[in-house]
Structures are given as structure tokens and as C-alpha cells.
Amino acid sequence: MTTLILQHKRDGHALSQIFANGLSLLQLWIDKHHQRKQLKRLEASQLNDLGLDRERVRMEAAKPFWQ
């Protein structure tokens, strides 16, 4: 009887790319969280300059960080 053993060698480059992608995603989530916090702090006149109203900002700020 013959036994076949398959070895799966992890490519260091692939793992580093996965890690880098994960860090990029984490940074995106952090950025969204901070931007939404800053958006909530704007005055009505500043929101008006951006073409936004308080309700739209409230809805945006209520989104989870991953959206």
C-alpha cells in the first residue's frame, strides 16, 4: 500500500500580504470612526457648506465602523 503525504508550504509573502491587507482594513475602520466623530462635531453652517443636514449626519454617524 502506498501512502501519499501532501505538504502545504505556506508562502511567507502570501502571509505577509494577508497581514498587510488586515492592517489596511483595520486602518480604514479606524479612519471611518474618526471621520464620523468629527462630522458630528461640525456646526450647522459648516454642514450646510458641505451640503449636509443634521439628520443625514446623524444617520451616517449611527453606522457601524465596518460600513
Protein backbone atom coordinates (compact mmCIF):
# COMPACT_ATOMS: atom_id res chain seq x y z
CA MET A 1 0.00 0.00 0.00
CA THR A 2 1.28 3.46 -0.88
CA THR A 3 0.65 6.49 1.31
CA LEU A 4 0.68 9.91 -0.25
CA ILE A 5 1.63 12.75 2.04
CA LEU A 6 0.92 16.25 0.83
CA GLN A 7 2.76 19.07 2.43
CA HIS A 8 1.36 22.53 2.23
CA LYS A 9 4.15 25.04 2.45
CA ARG A 10 2.97 28.49 3.43
CA ASP A 11 4.46 31.18 1.34
CA GLY A 12 5.89 33.89 3.59
CA HIS A 13 4.99 36.52 1.01
CA ALA A 14 1.35 35.40 0.96
CA LEU A 15 1.13 35.55 4.76
CA SER A 16 2.67 39.00 4.86
CA GLN A 17 0.17 40.15 2.21
CA ILE A 18 -2.74 38.81 4.26
CA PHE A 19 -1.37 40.60 7.32
CA ALA A 20 -0.91 43.84 5.36
CA ASN A 21 -4.46 43.60 4.00
CA GLY A 22 -5.79 43.06 7.51
CA LEU A 23 -3.92 46.10 8.77
CA SER A 24 -5.24 48.18 5.87
CA LEU A 25 -8.79 47.13 6.67
CA LEU A 26 -8.31 47.95 10.34
CA GLN A 27 -6.94 51.39 9.43
CA LEU A 28 -9.93 52.03 7.16
CA TRP A 29 -12.33 51.18 10.01
CA ILE A 30 -10.44 53.46 12.41
CA ASP A 31 -10.47 56.29 9.85
CA LYS A 32 -14.22 55.95 9.30
CA HIS A 33 -14.84 56.04 13.04
CA HIS A 34 -12.78 59.22 13.48
CA GLN A 35 -14.29 60.94 10.44
CA ARG A 36 -17.80 60.28 11.68
CA LYS A 37 -16.92 61.64 15.13
CA GLN A 38 -15.54 64.80 13.52
CA LEU A 39 -18.60 65.12 11.30
CA LYS A 40 -20.88 65.05 14.37
CA ARG A 41 -18.94 67.96 15.87
CA LEU A 42 -19.44 70.33 12.93
CA GLU A 43 -21.67 73.38 13.29
CA ALA A 44 -24.86 73.68 11.22
CA SER A 45 -23.24 76.32 8.99
CA GLN A 46 -20.29 74.01 8.30
CA LEU A 47 -22.64 71.15 7.45
CA ASN A 48 -24.57 73.48 5.16
CA ASP A 49 -21.32 74.34 3.36
CA LEU A 50 -20.84 70.61 2.76
CA GLY A 51 -24.41 70.20 1.56
CA LEU A 52 -25.36 68.10 4.58
CA ASP A 53 -28.01 68.45 7.23
CA ARG A 54 -28.03 67.29 10.84
CA GLU A 55 -30.30 64.29 10.11
CA ARG A 56 -28.01 63.00 7.38
CA VAL A 57 -25.03 63.35 9.71
CA ARG A 58 -26.91 61.54 12.47
CA MET A 59 -27.64 58.63 10.12
CA GLU A 60 -24.02 58.47 8.95
CA ALA A 61 -22.66 58.61 12.50
CA ALA A 62 -25.00 55.78 13.58
CA LYS A 63 -23.44 53.33 11.10
CA PRO A 64 -21.19 50.62 12.47
CA PHE A 65 -17.47 51.19 11.90
CA TRP A 66 -17.28 48.46 9.25
CA GLN A 67 -19.81 50.14 6.96
